[in-house]
Amino acid sequence: MDLSPEEYGAYWRGAIRIAAGVLVVFVGSRFVDPLLSHSAFGATALGVVLFAGFVLAGTFVAVLGLARVVRTAVAVET
């Protein structure tokens, strides 16, 4: 598989988006961990909502990166 500089860059941008998505989920879990460990219902509920938001955002960014990688791979092979 011979890659042009543009295709190589597209792979890197996709990989960076995947890593950024994983990083968002990891940092988000560390951020909401104190809220989830509280015994108060309000703090725990807020922690669950924030964690769900971080997971949703991180997954969205990672899937965008994965789509870029797959689209680039398909374009290179055709």
N, C-alpha and C. Protein backbone atom coordinates (compact mmCIF):
# COMPACT_ATOMS: atom_id res chain seq x y z
N MET A 1 0.85 -1.17 0.00
CA MET A 1 0.00 0.00 0.00
C MET A 1 0.90 1.23 0.00
N ASP A 2 0.83 2.00 -1.05
CA ASP A 2 1.63 3.20 -1.20
C ASP A 2 0.79 4.42 -0.83
N LEU A 3 1.22 5.14 0.18
CA LEU A 3 0.45 6.28 0.67
C LEU A 3 1.03 7.59 0.18
N SER A 4 0.16 8.48 -0.23
CA SER A 4 0.58 9.84 -0.54
C SER A 4 0.69 10.62 0.78
N PRO A 5 1.32 11.77 0.76
CA PRO A 5 1.41 12.57 2.00
C PRO A 5 0.04 12.95 2.55
N GLU A 6 -0.94 13.20 1.68
CA GLU A 6 -2.28 13.56 2.15
C GLU A 6 -2.93 12.37 2.86
N GLU A 7 -2.77 11.17 2.28
CA GLU A 7 -3.36 9.98 2.89
C GLU A 7 -2.67 9.64 4.21
N TYR A 8 -1.37 9.82 4.25
CA TYR A 8 -0.62 9.58 5.48
C TYR A 8 -1.09 10.54 6.57
N GLY A 9 -1.29 11.80 6.19
CA GLY A 9 -1.78 12.80 7.14
C GLY A 9 -3.19 12.48 7.61
N ALA A 10 -4.02 11.94 6.72
CA ALA A 10 -5.39 11.57 7.11
C ALA A 10 -5.36 10.44 8.14
N TYR A 11 -4.45 9.49 7.97
CA TYR A 11 -4.32 8.43 8.97
C TYR A 11 -3.93 9.01 10.33
N TRP A 12 -2.99 9.93 10.33
CA TRP A 12 -2.54 10.53 11.59
C TRP A 12 -3.66 11.34 12.25
N ARG A 13 -4.42 12.09 11.46
CA ARG A 13 -5.53 12.86 12.03
C ARG A 13 -6.58 11.92 12.62
N GLY A 14 -6.84 10.82 11.94
CA GLY A 14 -7.77 9.83 12.48
C GLY A 14 -7.28 9.22 13.78
N ALA A 15 -6.00 8.88 13.81
CA ALA A 15 -5.41 8.29 15.02
C ALA A 15 -5.43 9.28 16.18
N ILE A 16 -5.19 10.55 15.88
CA ILE A 16 -5.21 11.57 16.93
C ILE A 16 -6.62 11.73 17.47
N ARG A 17 -7.62 11.67 16.60
CA ARG A 17 -9.01 11.78 17.08
C ARG A 17 -9.39 10.58 17.95
N ILE A 18 -8.94 9.41 17.58
CA ILE A 18 -9.23 8.22 18.40
C ILE A 18 -8.58 8.38 19.77
N ALA A 19 -7.32 8.81 19.80
CA ALA A 19 -6.63 9.01 21.07
C ALA A 19 -7.29 10.11 21.90
N ALA A 20 -7.75 11.17 21.24
CA ALA A 20 -8.42 12.26 21.96
C ALA A 20 -9.73 11.77 22.57
N GLY A 21 -10.45 10.93 21.86
CA GLY A 21 -11.69 10.38 22.41
C GLY A 21 -11.45 9.53 23.63
N VAL A 22 -10.43 8.70 23.57
CA VAL A 22 -10.08 7.87 24.73
C VAL A 22 -9.63 8.75 25.90
N LEU A 23 -8.88 9.79 25.59
CA LEU A 23 -8.41 10.71 26.62
C LEU A 23 -9.57 11.45 27.28
N VAL A 24 -10.56 11.86 26.50
CA VAL A 24 -11.73 12.54 27.07
C VAL A 24 -12.45 11.62 28.06
N VAL A 25 -12.62 10.36 27.69
CA VAL A 25 -13.30 9.42 28.59
C VAL A 25 -12.46 9.20 29.84
N PHE A 26 -11.15 9.06 29.69
CA PHE A 26 -10.28 8.81 30.85
C PHE A 26 -10.27 10.00 31.80
N VAL A 27 -10.08 11.20 31.26
CA VAL A 27 -10.05 12.40 32.11
C VAL A 27 -11.42 12.64 32.73
N GLY A 28 -12.47 12.38 31.96
CA GLY A 28 -13.82 12.53 32.50
C GLY A 28 -14.09 11.60 33.66
N SER A 29 -13.61 10.38 33.56
CA SER A 29 -13.82 9.44 34.67
C SER A 29 -13.05 9.88 35.91
N ARG A 30 -11.88 10.43 35.73
CA ARG A 30 -11.12 10.95 36.87
C ARG A 30 -11.78 12.19 37.46
N PHE A 31 -12.40 12.99 36.60
CA PHE A 31 -13.05 14.23 37.03
C PHE A 31 -14.30 13.95 37.87
N VAL A 32 -15.09 12.96 37.47
CA VAL A 32 -16.35 12.69 38.16
C VAL A 32 -16.20 11.66 39.27
N ASP A 33 -15.05 11.07 39.44
CA ASP A 33 -14.86 10.06 40.49
C ASP A 33 -15.19 10.60 41.89
N PRO A 34 -14.77 11.82 42.25
CA PRO A 34 -15.17 12.32 43.58
C PRO A 34 -16.68 12.48 43.74
N LEU A 35 -17.37 12.85 42.66
CA LEU A 35 -18.82 12.99 42.75
C LEU A 35 -19.51 11.64 42.91
N LEU A 36 -18.98 10.62 42.24
CA LEU A 36 -19.58 9.30 42.33
C LEU A 36 -19.33 8.64 43.68
N SER A 37 -18.29 9.05 44.38
CA SER A 37 -17.99 8.45 45.68
C SER A 37 -18.75 9.12 46.83
N HIS A 38 -19.44 10.24 46.57
CA HIS A 38 -20.24 10.90 47.61
C HIS A 38 -21.46 10.06 47.94
N SER A 39 -21.92 10.19 49.17
CA SER A 39 -23.11 9.46 49.58
C SER A 39 -24.39 10.24 49.29
N ALA A 40 -24.24 11.55 49.03
CA ALA A 40 -25.42 12.37 48.74
C ALA A 40 -25.97 12.03 47.35
N PHE A 41 -27.29 11.95 47.26
CA PHE A 41 -27.93 11.57 46.00
C PHE A 41 -27.67 12.60 44.90
N GLY A 42 -27.72 13.88 45.22
CA GLY A 42 -27.53 14.92 44.21
C GLY A 42 -26.14 14.88 43.60
N ALA A 43 -25.14 14.70 44.43
CA ALA A 43 -23.77 14.63 43.91
C ALA A 43 -23.57 13.39 43.05
N THR A 44 -24.11 12.28 43.48
CA THR A 44 -23.99 11.04 42.70
C THR A 44 -24.73 11.15 41.37
N ALA A 45 -25.91 11.72 41.40
CA ALA A 45 -26.68 11.90 40.16
C ALA A 45 -25.95 12.82 39.20
N LEU A 46 -25.40 13.91 39.71
CA LEU A 46 -24.62 14.81 38.86
C LEU A 46 -23.40 14.10 38.28
N GLY A 47 -22.75 13.27 39.09
CA GLY A 47 -21.60 12.50 38.62
C GLY A 47 -21.98 11.54 37.51
N VAL A 48 -23.11 10.88 37.63
CA VAL A 48 -23.56 9.95 36.60
C VAL A 48 -23.87 10.70 35.31
N VAL A 49 -24.54 11.84 35.41
CA VAL A 49 -24.87 12.63 34.21
C VAL A 49 -23.60 13.14 33.54
N LEU A 50 -22.68 13.66 34.33
CA LEU A 50 -21.42 14.15 33.75
C LEU A 50 -20.61 13.02 33.12
N PHE A 51 -20.57 11.88 33.79
CA PHE A 51 -19.83 10.74 33.24
C PHE A 51 -20.45 10.28 31.92
N ALA A 52 -21.77 10.22 31.87
CA ALA A 52 -22.44 9.84 30.62
C ALA A 52 -22.12 10.85 29.51
N GLY A 53 -22.07 12.12 29.85
CA GLY A 53 -21.71 13.13 28.85
C GLY A 53 -20.29 12.97 28.35
N PHE A 54 -19.36 12.71 29.27
CA PHE A 54 -17.97 12.51 28.87
C PHE A 54 -17.82 11.27 27.99
N VAL A 55 -18.51 10.20 28.35
CA VAL A 55 -18.44 8.97 27.55
C VAL A 55 -19.04 9.21 26.16
N LEU A 56 -20.16 9.91 26.10
CA LEU A 56 -20.78 10.21 24.82
C LEU A 56 -19.87 11.07 23.94
N ALA A 57 -19.29 12.11 24.52
CA ALA A 57 -18.40 12.99 23.75
C ALA A 57 -17.15 12.26 23.31
N GLY A 58 -16.55 11.49 24.20
CA GLY A 58 -15.33 10.75 23.85
C GLY A 58 -15.59 9.69 22.79
N THR A 59 -16.71 9.00 22.89
CA THR A 59 -17.04 8.00 21.89
C THR A 59 -17.30 8.64 20.54
N PHE A 60 -17.97 9.79 20.53
CA PHE A 60 -18.24 10.50 19.28
C PHE A 60 -16.94 10.90 18.59
N VAL A 61 -16.01 11.45 19.34
CA VAL A 61 -14.73 11.87 18.76
C VAL A 61 -13.94 10.66 18.27
N ALA A 62 -13.94 9.58 19.03
CA ALA A 62 -13.21 8.37 18.62
C ALA A 62 -13.82 7.76 17.36
N VAL A 63 -15.13 7.75 17.26
CA VAL A 63 -15.77 7.18 16.07
C VAL A 63 -15.50 8.06 14.85
N LEU A 64 -15.44 9.38 15.03
CA LEU A 64 -15.06 10.25 13.91
C LEU A 64 -13.65 9.91 13.42
N GLY A 65 -12.74 9.66 14.35
CA GLY A 65 -11.39 9.28 13.96
C GLY A 65 -11.35 7.93 13.27
N LEU A 66 -12.11 6.98 13.78
CA LEU A 66 -12.17 5.66 13.17
C LEU A 66 -12.77 5.74 11.76
N ALA A 67 -13.78 6.56 11.59
CA ALA A 67 -14.39 6.72 10.26
C ALA A 67 -13.39 7.32 9.28
N ARG A 68 -12.58 8.26 9.75
CA ARG A 68 -11.57 8.86 8.87
C ARG A 68 -10.52 7.83 8.46
N VAL A 69 -10.11 7.00 9.40
CA VAL A 69 -9.11 5.97 9.09
C VAL A 69 -9.68 4.96 8.09
N VAL A 70 -10.90 4.51 8.31
CA VAL A 70 -11.51 3.53 7.41
C VAL A 70 -11.74 4.14 6.03
N ARG A 71 -12.23 5.37 5.99
CA ARG A 71 -12.47 6.03 4.69
C ARG A 71 -11.17 6.19 3.92
N THR A 72 -10.10 6.55 4.61
CA THR A 72 -8.80 6.69 3.95
C THR A 72 -8.30 5.35 3.45
N ALA A 73 -8.45 4.30 4.25
CA ALA A 73 -8.00 2.97 3.84
C ALA A 73 -8.77 2.48 2.62
N VAL A 74 -10.07 2.72 2.57
CA VAL A 74 -10.87 2.30 1.43
C VAL A 74 -10.48 3.09 0.19
N ALA A 75 -10.23 4.38 0.36
CA ALA A 75 -9.84 5.21 -0.77
C ALA A 75 -8.48 4.80 -1.33
N VAL A 76 -7.57 4.39 -0.46
CA VAL A 76 -6.23 3.98 -0.90
C VAL A 76 -6.31 2.67 -1.66
N GLU A 77 -7.15 1.77 -1.22
CA GLU A 77 -7.24 0.44 -1.84
C GLU A 77 -7.96 0.47 -3.17
N THR A 78 -8.77 1.47 -3.45
CA THR A 78 -9.51 1.48 -4.70
C THR A 78 -8.75 2.17 -5.80
